[in-house]
Each structure stands twice: as structure tokens, then as C-alpha cells.
PDB file of N, CA and C in Angstrom:
ATOM      1  N   MET A   1     185.720 139.316 210.964  1.00  0.00           N
ATOM      2  CA  MET A   1     184.940 139.425 210.022  1.00  0.00           C
ATOM      3  C   MET A   1     183.830 138.378 210.689  1.00  0.00           C
ATOM      4  N   PRO A   2     182.491 137.928 210.563  1.00  0.00           N
ATOM      5  CA  PRO A   2     181.753 137.131 211.312  1.00  0.00           C
ATOM      6  C   PRO A   2     182.382 135.744 211.283  1.00  0.00           C
ATOM      7  N   ALA A   3     181.901 134.945 211.922  1.00  0.00           N
ATOM      8  CA  ALA A   3     182.685 133.292 211.044  1.00  0.00           C
ATOM      9  C   ALA A   3     181.220 132.784 210.773  1.00  0.00           C
ATOM     10  N   GLY A   4     182.478 132.336 209.648  1.00  0.00           N
ATOM     11  CA  GLY A   4     181.339 131.306 209.043  1.00  0.00           C
ATOM     12  C   GLY A   4     181.093 132.344 207.227  1.00  0.00           C
ATOM     13  N   CYS A   5     181.824 134.101 207.524  1.00  0.00           N
ATOM     14  CA  CYS A   5     181.129 134.802 206.423  1.00  0.00           C
ATOM     15  C   CYS A   5     182.195 134.845 205.646  1.00  0.00           C
ATOM     16  N   LEU A   6     182.159 135.065 204.671  1.00  0.00           N
ATOM     17  CA  LEU A   6     182.824 134.913 203.152  1.00  0.00           C
ATOM     18  C   LEU A   6     183.463 136.003 202.735  1.00  0.00           C
ATOM     19  N   LYS A   7     182.582 137.298 202.942  1.00  0.00           N
ATOM     20  CA  LYS A   7     183.516 138.376 202.411  1.00  0.00           C
ATOM     21  C   LYS A   7     183.014 139.581 203.822  1.00  0.00           C
ATOM     22  N   PRO A   8     184.255 140.861 203.505  1.00  0.00           N
ATOM     23  CA  PRO A   8     183.695 141.266 204.638  1.00  0.00           C
ATOM     24  C   PRO A   8     182.471 141.755 204.917  1.00  0.00           C
ATOM     25  N   PRO A   9     181.857 142.738 206.130  1.00  0.00           N
ATOM     26  CA  PRO A   9     180.946 143.075 206.487  1.00  0.00           C
ATOM     27  C   PRO A   9     180.543 144.586 205.551  1.00  0.00           C
ATOM     28  N   GLY A  10     179.662 144.612 204.629  1.00  0.00           N
ATOM     29  CA  GLY A  10     179.434 146.475 203.998  1.00  0.00           C
ATOM     30  C   GLY A  10     179.799 145.978 202.184  1.00  0.00           C
ATOM     31  N   ILE A  11     180.017 144.420 201.998  1.00  0.00           N
ATOM     32  CA  ILE A  11     180.725 144.395 200.833  1.00  0.00           C
ATOM     33  C   ILE A  11     179.326 143.402 200.630  1.00  0.00           C
ATOM     34  N   GLY A  12     178.824 143.794 199.480  1.00  0.00           N
ATOM     35  CA  GLY A  12     177.683 143.639 198.777  1.00  0.00           C
ATOM     36  C   GLY A  12     177.647 141.965 197.360  1.00  0.00           C
ATOM     37  N   SER A  13     176.521 141.962 197.226  1.00  0.00           N
ATOM     38  CA  SER A  13     176.841 140.773 195.790  1.00  0.00           C
ATOM     39  C   SER A  13     177.245 141.630 194.902  1.00  0.00           C
ATOM     40  N   GLY A  14     178.127 140.837 194.365  1.00  0.00           N
ATOM     41  CA  GLY A  14     178.722 141.216 193.180  1.00  0.00           C
ATOM     42  C   GLY A  14     180.036 142.343 193.044  1.00  0.00           C
ATOM     43  N   GLN A  15     180.143 143.234 194.368  1.00  0.00           N
ATOM     44  CA  GLN A  15     181.200 144.012 194.689  1.00  0.00           C
ATOM     45  C   GLN A  15     182.104 143.478 195.421  1.00  0.00           C
ATOM     46  N   GLN A  16     183.147 144.034 194.923  1.00  0.00           N
ATOM     47  CA  GLN A  16     184.635 143.597 195.340  1.00  0.00           C
ATOM     48  C   GLN A  16     185.176 144.952 195.498  1.00  0.00           C
ATOM     49  N   ARG A  17     186.767 144.587 196.523  1.00  0.00           N
ATOM     50  CA  ARG A  17     187.153 146.054 197.157  1.00  0.00           C
ATOM     51  C   ARG A  17     188.032 146.487 195.681  1.00  0.00           C
ATOM     52  N   GLY A  18     188.567 147.518 195.714  1.00  0.00           N
ATOM     53  CA  GLY A  18     189.550 147.677 194.341  1.00  0.00           C
ATOM     54  C   GLY A  18     189.166 148.275 193.076  1.00  0.00           C
ATOM     55  N   GLY A  19     187.890 148.444 193.268  1.00  0.00           N
ATOM     56  CA  GLY A  19     187.081 149.074 191.963  1.00  0.00           C
ATOM     57  C   GLY A  19     186.846 148.066 191.094  1.00  0.00           C
ATOM     58  N   GLN A  20     187.069 146.982 191.258  1.00  0.00           N
ATOM     59  CA  GLN A  20     186.680 145.590 190.405  1.00  0.00           C
ATOM     60  C   GLN A  20     185.241 145.552 190.166  1.00  0.00           C
ATOM     61  N   LEU A  21     184.551 145.240 189.173  1.00  0.00           N
ATOM     62  CA  LEU A  21     183.164 145.555 188.510  1.00  0.00           C
ATOM     63  C   LEU A  21     183.011 143.826 188.556  1.00  0.00           C
ATOM     64  N   PRO A  22     181.440 143.511 187.879  1.00  0.00           N
ATOM     65  CA  PRO A  22     181.080 141.826 188.186  1.00  0.00           C
ATOM     66  C   PRO A  22     181.662 141.995 187.184  1.00  0.00           C
ATOM     67  N   VAL A  23     181.594 140.673 186.890  1.00  0.00           N
ATOM     68  CA  VAL A  23     182.099 140.131 185.649  1.00  0.00           C
ATOM     69  C   VAL A  23     180.458 139.756 184.838  1.00  0.00           C
ATOM     70  N   GLU A  24     180.166 140.081 183.884  1.00  0.00           N
ATOM     71  CA  GLU A  24     179.431 139.710 182.329  1.00  0.00           C
ATOM     72  C   GLU A  24     178.598 137.890 182.317  1.00  0.00           C
ATOM     73  N   ARG A  25     177.466 137.923 182.525  1.00  0.00           N
ATOM     74  CA  ARG A  25     177.020 137.034 182.320  1.00  0.00           C
ATOM     75  C   ARG A  25     176.673 136.363 181.361  1.00  0.00           C
ATOM     76  N   ALA A  26     176.297 137.393 180.699  1.00  0.00           N
ATOM     77  CA  ALA A  26     175.762 137.603 179.085  1.00  0.00           C
ATOM     78  C   ALA A  26     176.014 138.627 177.952  1.00  0.00           C
ATOM     79  N   GLY A  27     175.716 137.866 176.718  1.00  0.00           N
ATOM     80  CA  GLY A  27     175.820 139.644 175.810  1.00  0.00           C
ATOM     81  C   GLY A  27     175.551 140.561 176.256  1.00  0.00           C
ATOM     82  N   PHE A  28     175.709 141.705 175.454  1.00  0.00           N
ATOM     83  CA  PHE A  28     175.795 143.234 175.825  1.00  0.00           C
ATOM     84  C   PHE A  28     175.408 143.668 174.849  1.00  0.00           C
ATOM     85  N   VAL A  29     173.510 143.512 173.875  1.00  0.00           N
ATOM     86  CA  VAL A  29     173.163 143.968 172.600  1.00  0.00           C
ATOM     87  C   VAL A  29     172.479 145.481 172.958  1.00  0.00           C
ATOM     88  N   GLY A  30     173.368 146.652 171.336  1.00  0.00           N
ATOM     89  CA  GLY A  30     172.708 147.959 171.557  1.00  0.00           C
ATOM     90  C   GLY A  30     173.086 148.644 172.449  1.00  0.00           C
ATOM     91  N   ARG A  31     172.497 149.829 173.084  1.00  0.00           N
ATOM     92  CA  ARG A  31     172.571 150.497 173.934  1.00  0.00           C
ATOM     93  C   ARG A  31     173.499 151.500 173.765  1.00  0.00           C
ATOM     94  N   GLN A  32     174.529 151.689 172.314  1.00  0.00           N
ATOM     95  CA  GLN A  32     175.419 152.062 171.777  1.00  0.00           C
ATOM     96  C   GLN A  32     175.456 154.032 172.159  1.00  0.00           C
ATOM     97  N   GLU A  33     173.767 153.958 171.791  1.00  0.00           N
ATOM     98  CA  GLU A  33     174.079 155.756 171.886  1.00  0.00           C
ATOM     99  C   GLU A  33     173.645 155.866 173.610  1.00  0.00           C
ATOM    100  N   GLU A  34     173.281 155.008 173.901  1.00  0.00           N
ATOM    101  CA  GLU A  34     172.799 155.501 175.439  1.00  0.00           C
ATOM    102  C   GLU A  34     174.781 155.224 176.488  1.00  0.00           C
ATOM    103  N   LEU A  35     175.476 154.546 175.761  1.00  0.00           N
ATOM    104  CA  LEU A  35     176.471 154.548 176.257  1.00  0.00           C
ATOM    105  C   LEU A  35     177.587 155.857 176.310  1.00  0.00           C
ATOM    106  N   GLY A  36     177.257 156.201 175.019  1.00  0.00           N
ATOM    107  CA  GLY A  36     177.449 157.178 174.505  1.00  0.00           C
ATOM    108  C   GLY A  36     177.440 158.996 175.144  1.00  0.00           C
ATOM    109  N   LEU A  37     175.830 158.356 175.438  1.00  0.00           N
ATOM    110  CA  LEU A  37     175.544 159.764 176.575  1.00  0.00           C
ATOM    111  C   LEU A  37     176.040 159.734 177.558  1.00  0.00           C
ATOM    112  N   LEU A  38     176.286 158.780 178.428  1.00  0.00           N
ATOM    113  CA  LEU A  38     177.045 158.941 179.478  1.00  0.00           C
ATOM    114  C   LEU A  38     178.673 159.015 179.948  1.00  0.00           C
ATOM    115  N   HIS A  39     179.122 158.660 178.743  1.00  0.00           N
ATOM    116  CA  HIS A  39     180.621 158.886 178.469  1.00  0.00           C
ATOM    117  C   HIS A  39     180.375 160.544 178.039  1.00  0.00           C
ATOM    118  N   ARG A  40     179.794 160.711 177.742  1.00  0.00           N
ATOM    119  CA  ARG A  40     179.880 162.641 177.566  1.00  0.00           C
ATOM    120  C   ARG A  40     179.206 163.734 178.951  1.00  0.00           C
ATOM    121  N   ALA A  41     178.411 162.643 179.490  1.00  0.00           N
ATOM    122  CA  ALA A  41     177.892 163.113 180.808  1.00  0.00           C
ATOM    123  C   ALA A  41     179.120 162.811 181.727  1.00  0.00           C
ATOM    124  N   PHE A  42     179.621 161.904 182.094  1.00  0.00           N
ATOM    125  CA  PHE A  42     180.722 162.010 182.945  1.00  0.00           C
ATOM    126  C   PHE A  42     181.984 163.046 182.377  1.00  0.00           C
ATOM    127  N   GLU A  43     182.026 163.573 181.466  1.00  0.00           N
ATOM    128  CA  GLU A  43     182.773 164.816 181.036  1.00  0.00           C
ATOM    129  C   GLU A  43     182.039 165.892 181.723  1.00  0.00           C
ATOM    130  N   GLU A  44     181.379 166.109 182.258  1.00  0.00           N
ATOM    131  CA  GLU A  44     180.616 167.611 182.454  1.00  0.00           C
ATOM    132  C   GLU A  44     180.485 166.921 184.250  1.00  0.00           C
ATOM    133  N   ALA A  45     179.964 166.154 184.418  1.00  0.00           N
ATOM    134  CA  ALA A  45     179.176 165.785 186.093  1.00  0.00           C
ATOM    135  C   ALA A  45     180.158 164.090 186.640  1.00  0.00           C
ATOM    136  N   PRO A  46     180.606 164.368 188.173  1.00  0.00           N
ATOM    137  CA  PRO A  46     181.059 163.742 188.397  1.00  0.00           C
ATOM    138  C   PRO A  46     180.518 162.636 189.254  1.00  0.00           C
ATOM    139  N   LEU A  47     178.747 162.907 189.133  1.00  0.00           N
ATOM    140  CA  LEU A  47     177.784 161.427 188.926  1.00  0.00           C
ATOM    141  C   LEU A  47     176.474 161.686 188.496  1.00  0.00           C
ATOM    142  N   VAL A  48     176.007 160.573 187.720  1.00  0.00           N
ATOM    143  CA  VAL A  48     175.390 160.302 187.212  1.00  0.00           C
ATOM    144  C   VAL A  48     174.235 159.259 187.286  1.00  0.00           C
ATOM    145  N   THR A  49     173.430 159.680 187.216  1.00  0.00           N
ATOM    146  CA  THR A  49     172.157 158.905 187.891  1.00  0.00           C
ATOM    147  C   THR A  49     171.490 158.366 186.662  1.00  0.00           C
ATOM    148  N   LEU A  50     171.122 156.639 186.613  1.00  0.00           N
ATOM    149  CA  LEU A  50     170.339 156.045 185.045  1.00  0.00           C
ATOM    150  C   LEU A  50     168.990 155.976 186.028  1.00  0.00           C
ATOM    151  N   VAL A  51     168.054 156.025 185.570  1.00  0.00           N
ATOM    152  CA  VAL A  51     166.656 155.883 185.548  1.00  0.00           C
ATOM    153  C   VAL A  51     165.349 155.244 184.580  1.00  0.00           C
ATOM    154  N   GLY A  52     164.798 154.384 185.300  1.00  0.00           N
ATOM    155  CA  GLY A  52     163.250 153.725 184.264  1.00  0.00           C
ATOM    156  C   GLY A  52     163.239 152.613 185.015  1.00  0.00           C
ATOM    157  N   PRO A  53     162.250 152.043 184.193  1.00  0.00           N
ATOM    158  CA  PRO A  53     161.259 151.372 185.168  1.00  0.00           C
ATOM    159  C   PRO A  53     162.003 150.603 185.068  1.00  0.00           C
ATOM    160  N   GLY A  54     161.902 149.294 185.977  1.00  0.00           N
ATOM    161  CA  GLY A  54     162.616 147.956 186.592  1.00  0.00           C
ATOM    162  C   GLY A  54     162.412 147.565 185.778  1.00  0.00           C
ATOM    163  N   GLY A  55     163.982 146.589 185.299  1.00  0.00           N
ATOM    164  CA  GLY A  55     163.799 145.657 184.186  1.00  0.00           C
ATOM    165  C   GLY A  55     164.132 146.164 182.507  1.00  0.00           C
ATOM    166  N   VAL A  56     164.073 147.354 182.201  1.00  0.00           N
ATOM    167  CA  VAL A  56     164.385 147.705 181.191  1.00  0.00           C
ATOM    168  C   VAL A  56     165.949 147.812 181.221  1.00  0.00           C
ATOM    169  N   GLY A  57     167.342 147.640 181.963  1.00  0.00           N
ATOM    170  CA  GLY A  57     168.707 147.241 182.172  1.00  0.00           C
ATOM    171  C   GLY A  57     169.427 148.143 182.395  1.00  0.00           C
ATOM    172  N   GLU A  58     168.836 149.119 183.311  1.00  0.00           N
ATOM    173  CA  GLU A  58     169.635 150.137 183.527  1.00  0.00           C
ATOM    174  C   GLU A  58     171.326 150.380 184.506  1.00  0.00           C
ATOM    175  N   SER A  59     170.921 148.897 185.265  1.00  0.00           N
ATOM    176  CA  SER A  59     172.589 148.113 185.932  1.00  0.00           C
ATOM    177  C   SER A  59     172.912 147.632 185.139  1.00  0.00           C
ATOM    178  N   ARG A  60     172.444 146.641 184.088  1.00  0.00           N
ATOM    179  CA  ARG A  60     173.764 146.484 182.953  1.00  0.00           C
ATOM    180  C   ARG A  60     174.372 147.516 182.210  1.00  0.00           C
ATOM    181  N   THR A  61     173.577 148.724 182.102  1.00  0.00           N
ATOM    182  CA  THR A  61     174.162 149.730 181.161  1.00  0.00           C
ATOM    183  C   THR A  61     174.687 150.082 181.438  1.00  0.00           C
ATOM    184  N   ALA A  62     175.080 150.767 183.131  1.00  0.00           N
ATOM    185  CA  ALA A  62     175.581 151.317 184.193  1.00  0.00           C
ATOM    186  C   ALA A  62     176.786 150.668 184.274  1.00  0.00           C
ATOM    187  N   LEU A  63     177.305 149.642 183.945  1.00  0.00           N
ATOM    188  CA  LEU A  63     178.171 148.191 184.529  1.00  0.00           C
ATOM    189  C   LEU A  63     179.035 148.011 183.364  1.00  0.00           C
ATOM    190  N   ARG A  64     178.475 148.450 182.002  1.00  0.00           N
ATOM    191  CA  ARG A  64     179.148 148.365 180.892  1.00  0.00           C
ATOM    192  C   ARG A  64     179.715 149.664 180.583  1.00  0.00           C
ATOM    193  N   ALA A  65     178.970 151.047 181.241  1.00  0.00           N
ATOM    194  CA  ALA A  65     179.605 152.124 181.370  1.00  0.00           C
ATOM    195  C   ALA A  65     181.194 152.511 181.671  1.00  0.00           C
ATOM    196  N   ALA A  66     180.808 151.596 183.439  1.00  0.00           N
ATOM    197  CA  ALA A  66     182.171 151.829 184.515  1.00  0.00           C
ATOM    198  C   ALA A  66     183.316 151.038 183.488  1.00  0.00           C
ATOM    199  N   ALA A  67     182.599 150.056 183.028  1.00  0.00           N
ATOM    200  CA  ALA A  67     183.989 149.024 182.599  1.00  0.00           C
ATOM    201  C   ALA A  67     184.734 150.255 181.373  1.00  0.00           C
ATOM    202  N   GLY A  68     183.924 151.000 179.869  1.00  0.00           N
ATOM    203  CA  GLY A  68     184.476 151.686 179.959  1.00  0.00           C
ATOM    204  C   GLY A  68     184.757 152.994 180.219  1.00  0.00           C
ATOM    205  N   LEU A  69     184.471 153.366 181.412  1.00  0.00           N
ATOM    206  CA  LEU A  69     185.305 154.347 181.784  1.00  0.00           C
ATOM    207  C   LEU A  69     186.818 154.069 183.077  1.00  0.00           C
ATOM    208  N   ARG A  70     186.522 153.179 182.804  1.00  0.00           N
ATOM    209  CA  ARG A  70     187.778 152.587 183.879  1.00  0.00           C
ATOM    210  C   ARG A  70     189.033 153.172 184.229  1.00  0.00           C
ATOM    211  N   GLU A  71     189.457 154.013 182.828  1.00  0.00           N
ATOM    212  CA  GLU A  71     190.901 154.100 183.354  1.00  0.00           C
ATOM    213  C   GLU A  71     190.681 155.839 183.670  1.00  0.00           C
ATOM    214  N   ARG A  72     189.645 156.071 183.076  1.00  0.00           N
ATOM    215  CA  ARG A  72     189.661 157.419 183.879  1.00  0.00           C
ATOM    216  C   ARG A  72     189.517 157.517 185.505  1.00  0.00           C
ATOM    217  N   PHE A  73     189.102 156.465 186.409  1.00  0.00           N
ATOM    218  CA  PHE A  73     189.032 156.541 187.550  1.00  0.00           C
ATOM    219  C   PHE A  73     189.805 155.113 188.296  1.00  0.00           C
ATOM    220  N   PRO A  74     191.238 155.640 188.636  1.00  0.00           N
ATOM    221  CA  PRO A  74     192.382 154.637 188.738  1.00  0.00           C
ATOM    222  C   PRO A  74     192.169 154.251 190.218  1.00  0.00           C
ATOM    223  N   ASP A  75     191.295 154.920 191.076  1.00  0.00           N
ATOM    224  CA  ASP A  75     191.047 154.258 192.287  1.00  0.00           C
ATOM    225  C   ASP A  75     190.200 153.621 192.422  1.00  0.00           C
ATOM    226  N   GLY A  76     189.040 153.727 191.508  1.00  0.00           N
ATOM    227  CA  GLY A  76     187.931 153.195 191.128  1.00  0.00           C
ATOM    228  C   GLY A  76     187.118 153.657 191.109  1.00  0.00           C
ATOM    229  N   MET A  77     185.665 153.133 190.639  1.00  0.00           N
ATOM    230  CA  MET A  77     184.151 153.453 190.890  1.00  0.00           C
ATOM    231  C   MET A  77     183.098 152.875 191.659  1.00  0.00           C
TER     232      MET A  77
END
């Protein structure tokens, strides 16, 4: 690891080893229908992609869905 580097190379902001997810810093309101769709989509496919215009909440929705699916992926996501 380079001198002064706090994270190993290749580990980005908010990412950690071991399949840990970043901590949510704000509340999560709504999106229950979308979360249900994501959970069902993971029953049919190993990879699901969320798309939408920037700023509508794809990343936060994906993180919330990942937290709900954590038990299905014991090796990490």
C-alpha cells in the first residue's frame, strides 16, 4: 500500500472488503414497490441493473435492496 494511503488500492469511496455496505446517513422513504421488484428480479437473474436520470435515487435504492438481500449472498455483493 502506498505511504499515506488509508485504503488498499482498488477500494473506492464507501466500499469495504467482506461484502459490507456503506452506512445510510439519511432516512429512506418510499420505493417499497421498486424494492419488491428488485427482490423478485434477483430470483430470476444473478445481475440486475438500475437505470434512470441522475439524482432520482438509483444508488440508494440499490444499496437498500442489497441490504435486504444480504442473507442470500453470504460471500458478499
